[in-house]
Amino acid sequence: MLRRVRAEVGVGIGLRVDANQGWTAEQAISVISAWEDAGLGIEMVEQPVAMVNIKLAKTGGLREALRMAELARHNGAAVIFPTLPASASQSWPPTDM
C-alpha cells in the first residue's frame, strides 16, 4: 500500500506512519527496514511498539513513577517518561511534587 501511495504523491511529499503500538520490536525493525530497503522515504513511524507512558505529574511523584516503571518492566513492557507536561494548561515543573 505504501508503494502505491509513494507512487501517487511522488518523492516531494513526506510520508509518516502511525503504527499505534501495534508491533513487537522485532516486527517494527523488520517492517521499517523493508520500507527503507524499498526506498519509500518514510519520514517517521509514530508509536511502533507498545509502551507504558508514565507522566510524572500524574503519578504522585518520582518515587511512585519509578515504582510504576519497575512494575511495567517486570511485566515486559517498555517504559517512557515524556519530557513535556501532560497539558499546556499545567504549570511546569509541577509544583505539587
Protein backbone atom coordinates (compact mmCIF):
# COMPACT_ATOMS: atom_id res chain seq x y z
CA MET A 1 0.00 0.00 0.00
CA LEU A 2 2.79 2.46 0.87
CA ARG A 3 4.37 1.78 -2.52
CA ARG A 4 1.14 2.88 -4.20
CA VAL A 5 0.89 5.97 -2.02
CA ARG A 6 4.51 6.91 -2.76
CA ALA A 7 3.93 6.38 -6.49
CA GLU A 8 0.85 8.64 -6.40
CA VAL A 9 2.26 11.51 -4.35
CA GLY A 10 5.84 11.40 -5.62
CA VAL A 11 9.04 11.93 -3.68
CA GLY A 12 8.40 15.59 -2.81
CA ILE A 13 5.88 14.77 -0.10
CA GLY A 14 6.91 13.21 3.20
CA LEU A 15 5.17 10.07 4.38
CA ARG A 16 4.57 9.31 8.04
CA VAL A 17 3.09 6.18 9.55
CA ASP A 18 1.35 5.75 12.91
CA ALA A 19 1.51 2.11 13.94
CA ASN A 20 -0.48 2.76 17.15
CA GLN A 21 1.72 0.46 19.22
CA GLY A 22 0.70 -2.46 17.04
CA TRP A 23 4.07 -4.15 16.53
CA THR A 24 6.60 -6.03 18.56
CA ALA A 25 10.12 -4.63 18.47
CA GLU A 26 11.11 -7.38 16.02
CA GLN A 27 8.18 -6.58 13.72
CA ALA A 28 8.96 -2.86 13.82
CA ILE A 29 12.58 -3.45 12.86
CA SER A 30 11.56 -5.80 10.05
CA VAL A 31 8.85 -3.58 8.58
CA ILE A 32 10.79 -0.32 8.84
CA SER A 33 13.90 -1.96 7.37
CA ALA A 34 11.86 -3.29 4.45
CA TRP A 35 10.47 0.21 3.80
CA GLU A 36 13.99 1.63 3.89
CA ASP A 37 15.25 -1.08 1.52
CA ALA A 38 12.37 -0.30 -0.84
CA GLY A 39 13.34 3.38 -0.84
CA LEU A 40 9.90 4.57 0.23
CA GLY A 41 11.31 7.56 2.10
CA ILE A 42 9.19 7.24 5.23
CA GLU A 43 9.95 10.28 7.41
CA MET A 44 8.74 8.89 10.70
CA VAL A 45 6.97 5.92 12.27
CA GLU A 46 5.00 7.01 15.31
CA GLN A 47 4.47 4.61 18.23
CA PRO A 48 5.61 1.42 16.54
CA VAL A 49 5.73 -0.65 19.75
CA ALA A 50 3.62 -0.83 22.87
CA MET A 51 4.96 1.08 25.84
CA VAL A 52 3.83 2.46 29.14
CA ASN A 53 3.80 6.26 29.17
CA ILE A 54 4.44 7.38 32.75
CA LYS A 55 3.55 11.02 33.27
CA LEU A 56 5.38 12.20 36.35
CA ALA A 57 2.86 14.94 37.12
CA LYS A 58 0.06 12.35 37.29
CA THR A 59 1.77 9.67 39.40
CA GLY A 60 2.07 11.48 42.68
CA GLY A 61 5.81 11.98 42.49
CA LEU A 62 9.10 10.48 41.43
CA ARG A 63 9.06 7.54 43.85
CA GLU A 64 5.66 6.34 42.63
CA ALA A 65 6.65 6.87 38.98
CA LEU A 66 9.77 4.74 39.47
CA ARG A 67 7.69 2.04 41.20
CA MET A 68 5.30 2.01 38.25
CA ALA A 69 8.19 1.82 35.79
CA GLU A 70 9.71 -1.15 37.62
CA LEU A 71 6.35 -2.94 37.64
CA ALA A 72 5.86 -2.32 33.92
CA ARG A 73 9.39 -3.50 33.06
CA HIS A 74 8.95 -6.58 35.26
CA ASN A 75 5.93 -7.43 33.10
CA GLY A 76 7.84 -6.97 29.85
CA ALA A 77 6.63 -3.52 28.85
CA ALA A 78 8.81 -0.75 27.51
CA VAL A 79 8.58 2.47 29.53
CA ILE A 80 8.86 6.11 28.52
CA PHE A 81 8.85 9.25 30.61
CA PRO A 82 7.68 12.14 28.43
CA THR A 83 9.56 15.39 28.83
CA LEU A 84 6.60 17.68 28.21
CA PRO A 85 3.75 18.38 30.62
CA ALA A 86 0.52 16.43 30.19
CA SER A 87 -1.28 19.58 29.06
CA ALA A 88 -0.31 23.10 28.18
CA SER A 89 -2.50 24.44 30.98
CA GLN A 90 -0.44 22.69 33.68
CA SER A 91 2.33 24.56 35.38
CA TRP A 92 5.74 23.12 34.61
CA PRO A 93 7.55 21.93 36.52
CA PRO A 94 4.68 20.61 38.64
CA THR A 95 4.54 22.35 41.99
CA ASP A 96 2.73 19.57 43.84
CA MET A 97 5.56 17.03 43.86
